């Protein structure tokens, strides 16, 4: 997978993506119609775990497929 610049385009569908910023590096982001949210690892409640980033997300890409059961 290749990184996509947010200047080039944004995701077409809401959902979880791998995001990159010069400040935080790689992390999990959630694209919503009102912008990006990022995963806060110190929360255990999925509904409370997403927060506004305090930095600029520069690139994104779809999450990889989960591993197949062996």
C-alpha atoms as a PDB file:
ATOM      1  CA  UNK A   1       0.000   0.000   0.000  1.00  0.00           C
ATOM      2  CA  UNK A   2       1.117   3.538  -0.670  1.00  0.00           C
ATOM      3  CA  UNK A   3       0.615   6.660   1.415  1.00  0.00           C
ATOM      4  CA  UNK A   4      -1.920   9.142   0.016  1.00  0.00           C
ATOM      5  CA  UNK A   5      -1.400  12.835   0.708  1.00  0.00           C
ATOM      6  CA  UNK A   6      -4.391  14.619   2.253  1.00  0.00           C
ATOM      7  CA  UNK A   7      -3.629  17.380  -0.279  1.00  0.00           C
ATOM      8  CA  UNK A   8      -4.211  14.866  -3.079  1.00  0.00           C
ATOM      9  CA  UNK A   9      -7.479  13.424  -1.737  1.00  0.00           C
ATOM     10  CA  UNK A  10      -9.338  12.329   1.372  1.00  0.00           C
ATOM     11  CA  UNK A  11     -11.079   8.990   1.943  1.00  0.00           C
ATOM     12  CA  UNK A  12     -14.387   8.607   0.142  1.00  0.00           C
ATOM     13  CA  UNK A  13     -15.945   6.574   2.965  1.00  0.00           C
ATOM     14  CA  UNK A  14     -16.034   7.089   6.708  1.00  0.00           C
ATOM     15  CA  UNK A  15     -13.994   4.510   8.578  1.00  0.00           C
ATOM     16  CA  UNK A  16     -10.678   3.621  10.177  1.00  0.00           C
ATOM     17  CA  UNK A  17      -7.396   4.271   8.360  1.00  0.00           C
ATOM     18  CA  UNK A  18      -3.680   4.282   8.997  1.00  0.00           C
ATOM     19  CA  UNK A  19      -2.661   7.950   9.277  1.00  0.00           C
ATOM     20  CA  UNK A  20       0.691   9.747   9.421  1.00  0.00           C
ATOM     21  CA  UNK A  21       1.824  13.079  10.839  1.00  0.00           C
ATOM     22  CA  UNK A  22       5.281  14.581  11.256  1.00  0.00           C
ATOM     23  CA  UNK A  23       4.528  14.931  14.982  1.00  0.00           C
ATOM     24  CA  UNK A  24       3.148  11.507  15.953  1.00  0.00           C
ATOM     25  CA  UNK A  25       4.243   9.295  13.053  1.00  0.00           C
ATOM     26  CA  UNK A  26       1.851   6.424  12.262  1.00  0.00           C
ATOM     27  CA  UNK A  27      -1.335   5.751  14.166  1.00  0.00           C
ATOM     28  CA  UNK A  28      -4.940   4.714  13.674  1.00  0.00           C
ATOM     29  CA  UNK A  29      -7.273   7.452  12.511  1.00  0.00           C
ATOM     30  CA  UNK A  30     -10.980   7.588  11.859  1.00  0.00           C
ATOM     31  CA  UNK A  31     -12.212   9.644   8.924  1.00  0.00           C
ATOM     32  CA  UNK A  32     -15.604  11.210   9.492  1.00  0.00           C
ATOM     33  CA  UNK A  33     -17.460  13.795   7.425  1.00  0.00           C
ATOM     34  CA  UNK A  34     -16.342  16.527   9.833  1.00  0.00           C
ATOM     35  CA  UNK A  35     -12.649  15.514   9.687  1.00  0.00           C
ATOM     36  CA  UNK A  36     -10.118  13.204  11.306  1.00  0.00           C
ATOM     37  CA  UNK A  37     -10.251  11.712  14.780  1.00  0.00           C
ATOM     38  CA  UNK A  38      -7.390   9.685  16.246  1.00  0.00           C
ATOM     39  CA  UNK A  39      -7.299   6.686  18.557  1.00  0.00           C
ATOM     40  CA  UNK A  40      -6.379   7.420  22.148  1.00  0.00           C
ATOM     41  CA  UNK A  41      -4.780   4.270  23.526  1.00  0.00           C
ATOM     42  CA  UNK A  42      -5.508   5.155  27.153  1.00  0.00           C
ATOM     43  CA  UNK A  43      -9.259   4.642  26.695  1.00  0.00           C
ATOM     44  CA  UNK A  44     -11.010   1.286  26.889  1.00  0.00           C
ATOM     45  CA  UNK A  45     -14.423   2.426  25.666  1.00  0.00           C
ATOM     46  CA  UNK A  46     -14.569   2.469  21.841  1.00  0.00           C
ATOM     47  CA  UNK A  47     -17.077   5.342  21.889  1.00  0.00           C
ATOM     48  CA  UNK A  48     -14.781   7.545  24.022  1.00  0.00           C
ATOM     49  CA  UNK A  49     -11.514   6.512  22.397  1.00  0.00           C
ATOM     50  CA  UNK A  50     -11.603   8.885  19.404  1.00  0.00           C
ATOM     51  CA  UNK A  51     -10.452  12.478  19.784  1.00  0.00           C
ATOM     52  CA  UNK A  52      -9.508  15.480  17.670  1.00  0.00           C
ATOM     53  CA  UNK A  53      -5.814  15.350  16.706  1.00  0.00           C
ATOM     54  CA  UNK A  54      -3.632  18.138  18.128  1.00  0.00           C
ATOM     55  CA  UNK A  55      -1.455  18.056  15.007  1.00  0.00           C
ATOM     56  CA  UNK A  56      -1.903  17.912  11.239  1.00  0.00           C
ATOM     57  CA  UNK A  57      -2.413  14.566   9.562  1.00  0.00           C
ATOM     58  CA  UNK A  58      -0.466  14.668   6.296  1.00  0.00           C
ATOM     59  CA  UNK A  59      -1.029  11.209   4.772  1.00  0.00           C
ATOM     60  CA  UNK A  60      -3.333   8.216   5.062  1.00  0.00           C
ATOM     61  CA  UNK A  61      -3.862   4.723   3.656  1.00  0.00           C
ATOM     62  CA  UNK A  62      -6.368   1.905   4.133  1.00  0.00           C
ATOM     63  CA  UNK A  63      -5.707  -0.509   6.959  1.00  0.00           C
ATOM     64  CA  UNK A  64      -4.257  -3.850   5.843  1.00  0.00           C
ATOM     65  CA  UNK A  65      -6.452  -6.925   5.778  1.00  0.00           C
ATOM     66  CA  UNK A  66      -6.475  -8.871   9.065  1.00  0.00           C
ATOM     67  CA  UNK A  67      -4.491 -12.113   9.134  1.00  0.00           C
ATOM     68  CA  UNK A  68      -6.183 -15.292   7.989  1.00  0.00           C
ATOM     69  CA  UNK A  69      -6.910 -17.881  10.634  1.00  0.00           C
ATOM     70  CA  UNK A  70      -4.331 -20.671  10.373  1.00  0.00           C
END
